[in-house]
Amino acid sequence: MFARLRHQIKKTAQRFALGGIGAVLALSGIGFLSASALLLLLTLTDPITACAIMGGAFLGTGLLFMLAARPSHKHDTPKHTQESQEAMPPVAAAFMQGMAQGMAAGRVRH
């Protein structure tokens, strides 16, 4: 039992380590590509235009990622949730009926 748990923890740690290293390498690659794109734009245009183009590219990419990451506005509830909501009023009525009978039985005894 503990050996399996240790194995799963080891695999999870390896996955997170490899994912973290991959993220660092990808970010450094994006940095170098951005620098080379800026240097290319500087040879073709003036510095203000080159910075504006790079800023616009990063802004557009960031907005696209934010758009992709936003939650959907669909209010789809799972089927079991709908069934439990439909079954709730009879359950609540039965509970209230039981409470009323219990209170009535308590009054009779005293």
PDB file of N, CA and C in Angstrom:
ATOM      1  N   MET A   1       0.822  -1.179   0.000  1.00  0.00           N
ATOM      2  CA  MET A   1       0.000   0.000   0.000  1.00  0.00           C
ATOM      3  C   MET A   1       0.874   1.254   0.000  1.00  0.00           C
ATOM      4  N   PHE A   2       1.865   1.319   0.892  1.00  0.00           N
ATOM      5  CA  PHE A   2       2.731   2.484   0.960  1.00  0.00           C
ATOM      6  C   PHE A   2       3.661   2.563  -0.241  1.00  0.00           C
ATOM      7  N   ALA A   3       4.039   1.397  -0.772  1.00  0.00           N
ATOM      8  CA  ALA A   3       4.907   1.387  -1.948  1.00  0.00           C
ATOM      9  C   ALA A   3       4.192   2.009  -3.147  1.00  0.00           C
ATOM     10  N   ARG A   4       2.918   1.714  -3.294  1.00  0.00           N
ATOM     11  CA  ARG A   4       2.144   2.289  -4.399  1.00  0.00           C
ATOM     12  C   ARG A   4       2.001   3.792  -4.216  1.00  0.00           C
ATOM     13  N   LEU A   5       1.754   4.214  -2.990  1.00  0.00           N
ATOM     14  CA  LEU A   5       1.624   5.633  -2.705  1.00  0.00           C
ATOM     15  C   LEU A   5       2.941   6.359  -2.981  1.00  0.00           C
ATOM     16  N   ARG A   6       4.054   5.771  -2.552  1.00  0.00           N
ATOM     17  CA  ARG A   6       5.366   6.367  -2.818  1.00  0.00           C
ATOM     18  C   ARG A   6       5.624   6.471  -4.320  1.00  0.00           C
ATOM     19  N   HIS A   7       5.239   5.422  -5.043  1.00  0.00           N
ATOM     20  CA  HIS A   7       5.431   5.419  -6.496  1.00  0.00           C
ATOM     21  C   HIS A   7       4.617   6.541  -7.145  1.00  0.00           C
ATOM     22  N   GLN A   8       3.364   6.710  -6.708  1.00  0.00           N
ATOM     23  CA  GLN A   8       2.523   7.772  -7.265  1.00  0.00           C
ATOM     24  C   GLN A   8       3.081   9.149  -6.930  1.00  0.00           C
ATOM     25  N   ILE A   9       3.576   9.328  -5.707  1.00  0.00           N
ATOM     26  CA  ILE A   9       4.165  10.610  -5.318  1.00  0.00           C
ATOM     27  C   ILE A   9       5.410  10.890  -6.152  1.00  0.00           C
ATOM     28  N   LYS A  10       6.220   9.861  -6.376  1.00  0.00           N
ATOM     29  CA  LYS A  10       7.428  10.018  -7.173  1.00  0.00           C
ATOM     30  C   LYS A  10       7.089  10.403  -8.609  1.00  0.00           C
ATOM     31  N   LYS A  11       6.109   9.737  -9.187  1.00  0.00           N
ATOM     32  CA  LYS A  11       5.700  10.042 -10.556  1.00  0.00           C
ATOM     33  C   LYS A  11       5.134  11.460 -10.655  1.00  0.00           C
ATOM     34  N   THR A  12       4.335  11.857  -9.676  1.00  0.00           N
ATOM     35  CA  THR A  12       3.763  13.203  -9.671  1.00  0.00           C
ATOM     36  C   THR A  12       4.858  14.253  -9.537  1.00  0.00           C
ATOM     37  N   ALA A  13       5.830  14.018  -8.672  1.00  0.00           N
ATOM     38  CA  ALA A  13       6.941  14.957  -8.505  1.00  0.00           C
ATOM     39  C   ALA A  13       7.749  15.071  -9.795  1.00  0.00           C
ATOM     40  N   GLN A  14       7.961  13.953 -10.463  1.00  0.00           N
ATOM     41  CA  GLN A  14       8.693  13.980 -11.727  1.00  0.00           C
ATOM     42  C   GLN A  14       7.932  14.776 -12.782  1.00  0.00           C
ATOM     43  N   ARG A  15       6.604  14.557 -12.838  1.00  0.00           N
ATOM     44  CA  ARG A  15       5.794  15.295 -13.802  1.00  0.00           C
ATOM     45  C   ARG A  15       5.863  16.792 -13.552  1.00  0.00           C
ATOM     46  N   PHE A  16       5.734  17.199 -12.283  1.00  0.00           N
ATOM     47  CA  PHE A  16       5.786  18.620 -11.966  1.00  0.00           C
ATOM     48  C   PHE A  16       7.172  19.195 -12.237  1.00  0.00           C
ATOM     49  N   ALA A  17       8.224  18.453 -11.945  1.00  0.00           N
ATOM     50  CA  ALA A  17       9.577  18.935 -12.201  1.00  0.00           C
ATOM     51  C   ALA A  17       9.809  19.114 -13.699  1.00  0.00           C
ATOM     52  N   LEU A  18       9.428  18.112 -14.486  1.00  0.00           N
ATOM     53  CA  LEU A  18       9.604  18.218 -15.929  1.00  0.00           C
ATOM     54  C   LEU A  18       8.741  19.331 -16.517  1.00  0.00           C
ATOM     55  N   GLY A  19       7.534  19.486 -16.003  1.00  0.00           N
ATOM     56  CA  GLY A  19       6.672  20.571 -16.462  1.00  0.00           C
ATOM     57  C   GLY A  19       7.248  21.932 -16.119  1.00  0.00           C
ATOM     58  N   GLY A  20       7.809  22.073 -14.927  1.00  0.00           N
ATOM     59  CA  GLY A  20       8.422  23.342 -14.537  1.00  0.00           C
ATOM     60  C   GLY A  20       9.636  23.676 -15.380  1.00  0.00           C
ATOM     61  N   ILE A  21      10.483  22.671 -15.621  1.00  0.00           N
ATOM     62  CA  ILE A  21      11.658  22.893 -16.464  1.00  0.00           C
ATOM     63  C   ILE A  21      11.224  23.247 -17.881  1.00  0.00           C
ATOM     64  N   GLY A  22      10.198  22.566 -18.372  1.00  0.00           N
ATOM     65  CA  GLY A  22       9.680  22.875 -19.706  1.00  0.00           C
ATOM     66  C   GLY A  22       9.140  24.289 -19.790  1.00  0.00           C
ATOM     67  N   ALA A  23       8.453  24.747 -18.748  1.00  0.00           N
ATOM     68  CA  ALA A  23       7.918  26.109 -18.743  1.00  0.00           C
ATOM     69  C   ALA A  23       9.041  27.139 -18.741  1.00  0.00           C
ATOM     70  N   VAL A  24      10.087  26.905 -17.942  1.00  0.00           N
ATOM     71  CA  VAL A  24      11.221  27.836 -17.905  1.00  0.00           C
ATOM     72  C   VAL A  24      11.909  27.892 -19.266  1.00  0.00           C
ATOM     73  N   LEU A  25      12.116  26.737 -19.889  1.00  0.00           N
ATOM     74  CA  LEU A  25      12.762  26.707 -21.204  1.00  0.00           C
ATOM     75  C   LEU A  25      11.888  27.385 -22.264  1.00  0.00           C
ATOM     76  N   ALA A  26      10.580  27.156 -22.204  1.00  0.00           N
ATOM     77  CA  ALA A  26       9.683  27.789 -23.170  1.00  0.00           C
ATOM     78  C   ALA A  26       9.682  29.304 -22.994  1.00  0.00           C
ATOM     79  N   LEU A  27       9.675  29.787 -21.741  1.00  0.00           N
ATOM     80  CA  LEU A  27       9.703  31.230 -21.508  1.00  0.00           C
ATOM     81  C   LEU A  27      11.014  31.857 -21.973  1.00  0.00           C
ATOM     82  N   SER A  28      12.122  31.166 -21.754  1.00  0.00           N
ATOM     83  CA  SER A  28      13.396  31.715 -22.229  1.00  0.00           C
ATOM     84  C   SER A  28      13.436  31.719 -23.759  1.00  0.00           C
ATOM     85  N   GLY A  29      12.853  30.708 -24.387  1.00  0.00           N
ATOM     86  CA  GLY A  29      12.769  30.690 -25.847  1.00  0.00           C
ATOM     87  C   GLY A  29      11.919  31.833 -26.374  1.00  0.00           C
ATOM     88  N   ILE A  30      10.805  32.107 -25.707  1.00  0.00           N
ATOM     89  CA  ILE A  30       9.963  33.233 -26.108  1.00  0.00           C
ATOM     90  C   ILE A  30      10.728  34.544 -25.951  1.00  0.00           C
ATOM     91  N   GLY A  31      11.513  34.649 -24.895  1.00  0.00           N
ATOM     92  CA  GLY A  31      12.319  35.856 -24.697  1.00  0.00           C
ATOM     93  C   GLY A  31      13.331  36.066 -25.811  1.00  0.00           C
ATOM     94  N   PHE A  32      14.039  35.002 -26.197  1.00  0.00           N
ATOM     95  CA  PHE A  32      15.016  35.130 -27.269  1.00  0.00           C
ATOM     96  C   PHE A  32      14.341  35.426 -28.609  1.00  0.00           C
ATOM     97  N   LEU A  33      13.206  34.789 -28.868  1.00  0.00           N
ATOM     98  CA  LEU A  33      12.486  35.076 -30.118  1.00  0.00           C
ATOM     99  C   LEU A  33      11.976  36.501 -30.139  1.00  0.00           C
ATOM    100  N   SER A  34      11.533  36.992 -28.995  1.00  0.00           N
ATOM    101  CA  SER A  34      11.074  38.377 -28.921  1.00  0.00           C
ATOM    102  C   SER A  34      12.220  39.347 -29.160  1.00  0.00           C
ATOM    103  N   ALA A  35      13.362  39.055 -28.575  1.00  0.00           N
ATOM    104  CA  ALA A  35      14.526  39.926 -28.778  1.00  0.00           C
ATOM    105  C   ALA A  35      14.954  39.936 -30.244  1.00  0.00           C
ATOM    106  N   SER A  36      14.949  38.768 -30.875  1.00  0.00           N
ATOM    107  CA  SER A  36      15.346  38.728 -32.281  1.00  0.00           C
ATOM    108  C   SER A  36      14.319  39.429 -33.165  1.00  0.00           C
ATOM    109  N   ALA A  37      13.030  39.296 -32.835  1.00  0.00           N
ATOM    110  CA  ALA A  37      12.008  40.003 -33.599  1.00  0.00           C
ATOM    111  C   ALA A  37      12.152  41.510 -33.424  1.00  0.00           C
ATOM    112  N   LEU A  38      12.467  41.961 -32.221  1.00  0.00           N
ATOM    113  CA  LEU A  38      12.654  43.388 -31.984  1.00  0.00           C
ATOM    114  C   LEU A  38      13.863  43.902 -32.765  1.00  0.00           C
ATOM    115  N   LEU A  39      14.967  43.146 -32.754  1.00  0.00           N
ATOM    116  CA  LEU A  39      16.152  43.573 -33.514  1.00  0.00           C
ATOM    117  C   LEU A  39      15.862  43.619 -35.011  1.00  0.00           C
ATOM    118  N   LEU A  40      15.078  42.659 -35.511  1.00  0.00           N
ATOM    119  CA  LEU A  40      14.704  42.678 -36.922  1.00  0.00           C
ATOM    120  C   LEU A  40      13.847  43.898 -37.237  1.00  0.00           C
ATOM    121  N   LEU A  41      12.885  44.184 -36.364  1.00  0.00           N
ATOM    122  CA  LEU A  41      12.036  45.353 -36.588  1.00  0.00           C
ATOM    123  C   LEU A  41      12.826  46.649 -36.492  1.00  0.00           C
ATOM    124  N   LEU A  42      13.843  46.680 -35.626  1.00  0.00           N
ATOM    125  CA  LEU A  42      14.665  47.883 -35.508  1.00  0.00           C
ATOM    126  C   LEU A  42      15.460  48.149 -36.781  1.00  0.00           C
ATOM    127  N   THR A  43      15.830  47.086 -37.494  1.00  0.00           N
ATOM    128  CA  THR A  43      16.550  47.290 -38.760  1.00  0.00           C
ATOM    129  C   THR A  43      15.605  47.743 -39.870  1.00  0.00           C
ATOM    130  N   LEU A  44      14.315  47.391 -39.734  1.00  0.00           N
ATOM    131  CA  LEU A  44      13.352  47.745 -40.775  1.00  0.00           C
ATOM    132  C   LEU A  44      12.622  49.052 -40.506  1.00  0.00           C
ATOM    133  N   THR A  45      12.424  49.384 -39.228  1.00  0.00           N
ATOM    134  CA  THR A  45      11.666  50.585 -38.871  1.00  0.00           C
ATOM    135  C   THR A  45      12.431  51.371 -37.804  1.00  0.00           C
ATOM    136  N   ASP A  46      11.811  52.448 -37.343  1.00  0.00           N
ATOM    137  CA  ASP A  46      12.417  53.211 -36.255  1.00  0.00           C
ATOM    138  C   ASP A  46      12.087  52.553 -34.916  1.00  0.00           C
ATOM    139  N   PRO A  47      12.783  52.915 -33.840  1.00  0.00           N
ATOM    140  CA  PRO A  47      12.589  52.248 -32.545  1.00  0.00           C
ATOM    141  C   PRO A  47      11.172  52.363 -31.981  1.00  0.00           C
ATOM    142  N   ILE A  48      10.533  53.494 -32.156  1.00  0.00           N
ATOM    143  CA  ILE A  48       9.178  53.669 -31.617  1.00  0.00           C
ATOM    144  C   ILE A  48       8.211  52.711 -32.303  1.00  0.00           C
ATOM    145  N   THR A  49       8.288  52.604 -33.600  1.00  0.00           N
ATOM    146  CA  THR A  49       7.400  51.707 -34.342  1.00  0.00           C
ATOM    147  C   THR A  49       7.677  50.253 -33.986  1.00  0.00           C
ATOM    148  N   ALA A  50       8.941  49.905 -33.839  1.00  0.00           N
ATOM    149  CA  ALA A  50       9.294  48.529 -33.495  1.00  0.00           C
ATOM    150  C   ALA A  50       8.733  48.152 -32.132  1.00  0.00           C
ATOM    151  N   CYS A  51       8.869  49.049 -31.166  1.00  0.00           N
ATOM    152  CA  CYS A  51       8.321  48.775 -29.829  1.00  0.00           C
ATOM    153  C   CYS A  51       6.796  48.707 -29.855  1.00  0.00           C
ATOM    154  N   ALA A  52       6.174  49.570 -30.658  1.00  0.00           N
ATOM    155  CA  ALA A  52       4.712  49.547 -30.759  1.00  0.00           C
ATOM    156  C   ALA A  52       4.234  48.240 -31.372  1.00  0.00           C
ATOM    157  N   ILE A  53       4.933  47.752 -32.372  1.00  0.00           N
ATOM    158  CA  ILE A  53       4.552  46.486 -33.008  1.00  0.00           C
ATOM    159  C   ILE A  53       4.710  45.334 -32.021  1.00  0.00           C
ATOM    160  N   MET A  54       5.840  45.309 -31.301  1.00  0.00           N
ATOM    161  CA  MET A  54       6.065  44.227 -30.322  1.00  0.00           C
ATOM    162  C   MET A  54       5.045  44.304 -29.189  1.00  0.00           C
ATOM    163  N   GLY A  55       4.781  45.502 -28.703  1.00  0.00           N
ATOM    164  CA  GLY A  55       3.784  45.664 -27.638  1.00  0.00           C
ATOM    165  C   GLY A  55       2.405  45.229 -28.092  1.00  0.00           C
ATOM    166  N   GLY A  56       2.033  45.586 -29.309  1.00  0.00           N
ATOM    167  CA  GLY A  56       0.742  45.171 -29.849  1.00  0.00           C
ATOM    168  C   GLY A  56       0.648  43.661 -30.018  1.00  0.00           C
ATOM    169  N   ALA A  57       1.748  43.057 -30.442  1.00  0.00           N
ATOM    170  CA  ALA A  57       1.746  41.600 -30.605  1.00  0.00           C
ATOM    171  C   ALA A  57       1.570  40.898 -29.266  1.00  0.00           C
ATOM    172  N   PHE A  58       2.298  41.382 -28.235  1.00  0.00           N
ATOM    173  CA  PHE A  58       2.154  40.769 -26.917  1.00  0.00           C
ATOM    174  C   PHE A  58       0.775  41.041 -26.317  1.00  0.00           C
ATOM    175  N   LEU A  59       0.261  42.240 -26.515  1.00  0.00           N
ATOM    176  CA  LEU A  59      -1.072  42.570 -25.999  1.00  0.00           C
ATOM    177  C   LEU A  59      -2.135  41.702 -26.667  1.00  0.00           C
ATOM    178  N   GLY A  60      -2.051  41.557 -27.983  1.00  0.00           N
ATOM    179  CA  GLY A  60      -3.025  40.735 -28.696  1.00  0.00           C
ATOM    180  C   GLY A  60      -2.960  39.273 -28.278  1.00  0.00           C
ATOM    181  N   THR A  61      -1.745  38.758 -28.124  1.00  0.00           N
ATOM    182  CA  THR A  61      -1.584  37.369 -27.690  1.00  0.00           C
ATOM    183  C   THR A  61      -2.128  37.183 -26.275  1.00  0.00           C
ATOM    184  N   GLY A  62      -1.827  38.123 -25.395  1.00  0.00           N
ATOM    185  CA  GLY A  62      -2.333  38.038 -24.020  1.00  0.00           C
ATOM    186  C   GLY A  62      -3.845  38.089 -23.963  1.00  0.00           C
ATOM    187  N   LEU A  63      -4.452  38.969 -24.772  1.00  0.00           N
ATOM    188  CA  LEU A  63      -5.915  39.049 -24.795  1.00  0.00           C
ATOM    189  C   LEU A  63      -6.539  37.771 -25.330  1.00  0.00           C
ATOM    190  N   LEU A  64      -5.904  37.165 -26.326  1.00  0.00           N
ATOM    191  CA  LEU A  64      -6.421  35.896 -26.846  1.00  0.00           C
ATOM    192  C   LEU A  64      -6.364  34.796 -25.785  1.00  0.00           C
ATOM    193  N   PHE A  65      -5.261  34.745 -25.037  1.00  0.00           N
ATOM    194  CA  PHE A  65      -5.156  33.747 -23.968  1.00  0.00           C
ATOM    195  C   PHE A  65      -6.187  34.006 -22.873  1.00  0.00           C
ATOM    196  N   MET A  66      -6.398  35.269 -22.530  1.00  0.00           N
ATOM    197  CA  MET A  66      -7.405  35.588 -21.509  1.00  0.00           C
ATOM    198  C   MET A  66      -8.803  35.244 -22.000  1.00  0.00           C
ATOM    199  N   LEU A  67      -9.067  35.461 -23.265  1.00  0.00           N
ATOM    200  CA  LEU A  67     -10.360  35.113 -23.843  1.00  0.00           C
ATOM    201  C   LEU A  67     -10.567  33.597 -23.811  1.00  0.00           C
ATOM    202  N   ALA A  68      -9.521  32.848 -24.104  1.00  0.00           N
ATOM    203  CA  ALA A  68      -9.624  31.392 -24.094  1.00  0.00           C
ATOM    204  C   ALA A  68      -9.779  30.846 -22.677  1.00  0.00           C
ATOM    205  N   ALA A  69      -9.269  31.563 -21.680  1.00  0.00           N
ATOM    206  CA  ALA A  69      -9.287  31.066 -20.313  1.00  0.00           C
ATOM    207  C   ALA A  69     -10.533  31.457 -19.537  1.00  0.00           C
ATOM    208  N   ARG A  70     -11.360  32.333 -20.088  1.00  0.00           N
ATOM    209  CA  ARG A  70     -12.530  32.768 -19.318  1.00  0.00           C
ATOM    210  C   ARG A  70     -13.542  31.633 -19.184  1.00  0.00           C
ATOM    211  N   PRO A  71     -14.298  31.651 -18.103  1.00  0.00           N
ATOM    212  CA  PRO A  71     -15.294  30.591 -17.914  1.00  0.00           C
ATOM    213  C   PRO A  71     -16.457  30.773 -18.886  1.00  0.00           C
ATOM    214  N   SER A  72     -17.040  29.656 -19.258  1.00  0.00           N
ATOM    215  CA  SER A  72     -18.182  29.729 -20.166  1.00  0.00           C
ATOM    216  C   SER A  72     -19.405  30.210 -19.404  1.00  0.00           C
ATOM    217  N   HIS A  73     -20.314  30.826 -20.113  1.00  0.00           N
ATOM    218  CA  HIS A  73     -21.519  31.363 -19.479  1.00  0.00           C
ATOM    219  C   HIS A  73     -22.698  30.411 -19.573  1.00  0.00           C
ATOM    220  N   LYS A  74     -22.431  29.201 -20.010  1.00  0.00           N
ATOM    221  CA  LYS A  74     -23.504  28.217 -20.086  1.00  0.00           C
ATOM    222  C   LYS A  74     -23.835  27.753 -18.680  1.00  0.00           C
ATOM    223  N   HIS A  75     -25.085  27.653 -18.400  1.00  0.00           N
ATOM    224  CA  HIS A  75     -25.521  27.197 -17.079  1.00  0.00           C
ATOM    225  C   HIS A  75     -26.017  25.765 -17.170  1.00  0.00           C
ATOM    226  N   ASP A  76     -25.193  24.925 -17.759  1.00  0.00           N
ATOM    227  CA  ASP A  76     -25.541  23.513 -17.865  1.00  0.00           C
ATOM    228  C   ASP A  76     -25.302  22.848 -16.517  1.00  0.00           C
ATOM    229  N   THR A  77     -26.359  22.313 -15.957  1.00  0.00           N
ATOM    230  CA  THR A  77     -26.204  21.575 -14.707  1.00  0.00           C
ATOM    231  C   THR A  77     -26.212  20.095 -15.036  1.00  0.00           C
ATOM    232  N   PRO A  78     -25.432  19.324 -14.359  1.00  0.00           N
ATOM    233  CA  PRO A  78     -25.433  17.883 -14.612  1.00  0.00           C
ATOM    234  C   PRO A  78     -26.812  17.283 -14.368  1.00  0.00           C
ATOM    235  N   LYS A  79     -27.061  16.145 -15.002  1.00  0.00           N
ATOM    236  CA  LYS A  79     -28.372  15.516 -14.922  1.00  0.00           C
ATOM    237  C   LYS A  79     -28.719  15.124 -13.495  1.00  0.00           C
ATOM    238  N   HIS A  80     -27.749  14.614 -12.735  1.00  0.00           N
ATOM    239  CA  HIS A  80     -28.046  14.192 -11.375  1.00  0.00           C
ATOM    240  C   HIS A  80     -28.390  15.387 -10.492  1.00  0.00           C
ATOM    241  N   THR A  81     -27.857  16.560 -10.801  1.00  0.00           N
ATOM    242  CA  THR A  81     -28.199  17.750 -10.022  1.00  0.00           C
ATOM    243  C   THR A  81     -29.638  18.164 -10.301  1.00  0.00           C
ATOM    244  N   GLN A  82     -30.056  18.077 -11.568  1.00  0.00           N
ATOM    245  CA  GLN A  82     -31.421  18.422 -11.904  1.00  0.00           C
ATOM    246  C   GLN A  82     -32.396  17.461 -11.235  1.00  0.00           C
ATOM    247  N   GLU A  83     -32.049  16.175 -11.227  1.00  0.00           N
ATOM    248  CA  GLU A  83     -32.931  15.205 -10.588  1.00  0.00           C
ATOM    249  C   GLU A  83     -33.032  15.449  -9.097  1.00  0.00           C
ATOM    250  N   SER A  84     -31.916  15.789  -8.459  1.00  0.00           N
ATOM    251  CA  SER A  84     -31.953  16.022  -7.015  1.00  0.00           C
ATOM    252  C   SER A  84     -32.723  17.291  -6.700  1.00  0.00           C
ATOM    253  N   GLN A  85     -32.662  18.304  -7.595  1.00  0.00           N
ATOM    254  CA  GLN A  85     -33.436  19.520  -7.363  1.00  0.00           C
ATOM    255  C   GLN A  85     -34.925  19.251  -7.543  1.00  0.00           C
ATOM    256  N   GLU A  86     -35.279  18.397  -8.496  1.00  0.00           N
ATOM    257  CA  GLU A  86     -36.682  18.066  -8.692  1.00  0.00           C
ATOM    258  C   GLU A  86     -37.218  17.238  -7.528  1.00  0.00           C
ATOM    259  N   ALA A  87     -36.371  16.410  -6.934  1.00  0.00           N
ATOM    260  CA  ALA A  87     -36.810  15.555  -5.840  1.00  0.00           C
ATOM    261  C   ALA A  87     -36.807  16.288  -4.506  1.00  0.00           C
ATOM    262  N   MET A  88     -36.268  17.479  -4.453  1.00  0.00           N
ATOM    263  CA  MET A  88     -36.130  18.184  -3.192  1.00  0.00           C
ATOM    264  C   MET A  88     -37.464  18.616  -2.590  1.00  0.00           C
ATOM    265  N   PRO A  89     -38.410  19.171  -3.315  1.00  0.00           N
ATOM    266  CA  PRO A  89     -39.656  19.577  -2.667  1.00  0.00           C
ATOM    267  C   PRO A  89     -40.395  18.431  -1.977  1.00  0.00           C
ATOM    268  N   PRO A  90     -40.523  17.239  -2.569  1.00  0.00           N
ATOM    269  CA  PRO A  90     -41.167  16.167  -1.826  1.00  0.00           C
ATOM    270  C   PRO A  90     -40.379  15.762  -0.577  1.00  0.00           C
ATOM    271  N   VAL A  91     -39.045  15.796  -0.668  1.00  0.00           N
ATOM    272  CA  VAL A  91     -38.230  15.448   0.488  1.00  0.00           C
ATOM    273  C   VAL A  91     -38.431  16.488   1.584  1.00  0.00           C
ATOM    274  N   ALA A  92     -38.451  17.764   1.201  1.00  0.00           N
ATOM    275  CA  ALA A  92     -38.662  18.823   2.190  1.00  0.00           C
ATOM    276  C   ALA A  92     -40.055  18.712   2.803  1.00  0.00           C
ATOM    277  N   ALA A  93     -41.049  18.380   1.984  1.00  0.00           N
ATOM    278  CA  ALA A  93     -42.410  18.222   2.505  1.00  0.00           C
ATOM    279  C   ALA A  93     -42.484  17.050   3.476  1.00  0.00           C
ATOM    280  N   ALA A  94     -41.814  15.956   3.139  1.00  0.00           N
ATOM    281  CA  ALA A  94     -41.815  14.803   4.034  1.00  0.00           C
ATOM    282  C   ALA A  94     -41.100  15.134   5.339  1.00  0.00           C
ATOM    283  N   PHE A  95     -40.018  15.900   5.257  1.00  0.00           N
ATOM    284  CA  PHE A  95     -39.310  16.303   6.466  1.00  0.00           C
ATOM    285  C   PHE A  95     -40.193  17.171   7.349  1.00  0.00           C
ATOM    286  N   MET A  96     -40.858  18.121   6.739  1.00  0.00           N
ATOM    287  CA  MET A  96     -41.725  19.008   7.522  1.00  0.00           C
ATOM    288  C   MET A  96     -42.898  18.236   8.128  1.00  0.00           C
ATOM    289  N   GLN A  97     -43.429  17.267   7.387  1.00  0.00           N
ATOM    290  CA  GLN A  97     -44.517  16.452   7.911  1.00  0.00           C
ATOM    291  C   GLN A  97     -44.026  15.645   9.108  1.00  0.00           C
ATOM    292  N   GLY A  98     -42.833  15.076   9.010  1.00  0.00           N
ATOM    293  CA  GLY A  98     -42.266  14.319  10.124  1.00  0.00           C
ATOM    294  C   GLY A  98     -42.021  15.201  11.338  1.00  0.00           C
ATOM    295  N   MET A  99     -41.545  16.414  11.105  1.00  0.00           N
ATOM    296  CA  MET A  99     -41.325  17.343  12.216  1.00  0.00           C
ATOM    297  C   MET A  99     -42.642  17.684  12.903  1.00  0.00           C
ATOM    298  N   ALA A 100     -43.687  17.934  12.105  1.00  0.00           N
ATOM    299  CA  ALA A 100     -44.981  18.279  12.686  1.00  0.00           C
ATOM    300  C   ALA A 100     -45.555  17.104  13.488  1.00  0.00           C
ATOM    301  N   GLN A 101     -45.416  15.890  12.969  1.00  0.00           N
ATOM    302  CA  GLN A 101     -45.917  14.723  13.691  1.00  0.00           C
ATOM    303  C   GLN A 101     -45.135  14.487  14.975  1.00  0.00           C
ATOM    304  N   GLY A 102     -43.824  14.713  14.907  1.00  0.00           N
ATOM    305  CA  GLY A 102     -42.996  14.554  16.104  1.00  0.00           C
ATOM    306  C   GLY A 102     -43.364  15.569  17.176  1.00  0.00           C
ATOM    307  N   MET A 103     -43.619  16.790  16.770  1.00  0.00           N
ATOM    308  CA  MET A 103     -44.007  17.822  17.736  1.00  0.00           C
ATOM    309  C   MET A 103     -45.384  17.503  18.321  1.00  0.00           C
ATOM    310  N   ALA A 104     -46.278  17.012  17.459  1.00  0.00           N
ATOM    311  CA  ALA A 104     -47.621  16.647  17.950  1.00  0.00           C
ATOM    312  C   ALA A 104     -47.529  15.480  18.924  1.00  0.00           C
ATOM    313  N   ALA A 105     -46.679  14.501  18.630  1.00  0.00           N
ATOM    314  CA  ALA A 105     -46.537  13.356  19.528  1.00  0.00           C
ATOM    315  C   ALA A 105     -45.904  13.800  20.839  1.00  0.00           C
ATOM    316  N   GLY A 106     -44.991  14.750  20.811  1.00  0.00           N
ATOM    317  CA  GLY A 106     -44.378  15.260  22.025  1.00  0.00           C
ATOM    318  C   GLY A 106     -45.375  15.994  22.896  1.00  0.00           C
ATOM    319  N   ARG A 107     -46.321  16.702  22.322  1.00  0.00           N
ATOM    320  CA  ARG A 107     -47.335  17.429  23.081  1.00  0.00           C
ATOM    321  C   ARG A 107     -48.317  16.473  23.747  1.00  0.00           C
ATOM    322  N   VAL A 108     -48.591  15.337  23.083  1.00  0.00           N
ATOM    323  CA  VAL A 108     -49.537  14.388  23.646  1.00  0.00           C
ATOM    324  C   VAL A 108     -48.960  13.743  24.904  1.00  0.00           C
ATOM    325  N   ARG A 109     -47.683  13.420  24.935  1.00  0.00           N
ATOM    326  CA  ARG A 109     -47.068  12.747  26.062  1.00  0.00           C
ATOM    327  C   ARG A 109     -47.006  13.648  27.302  1.00  0.00           C
ATOM    328  N   HIS A 110     -46.791  14.892  27.155  1.00  0.00           N
ATOM    329  CA  HIS A 110     -46.600  15.760  28.311  1.00  0.00           C
ATOM    330  C   HIS A 110     -47.889  16.178  28.866  1.00  0.00           C
TER     331      HIS A 110
END
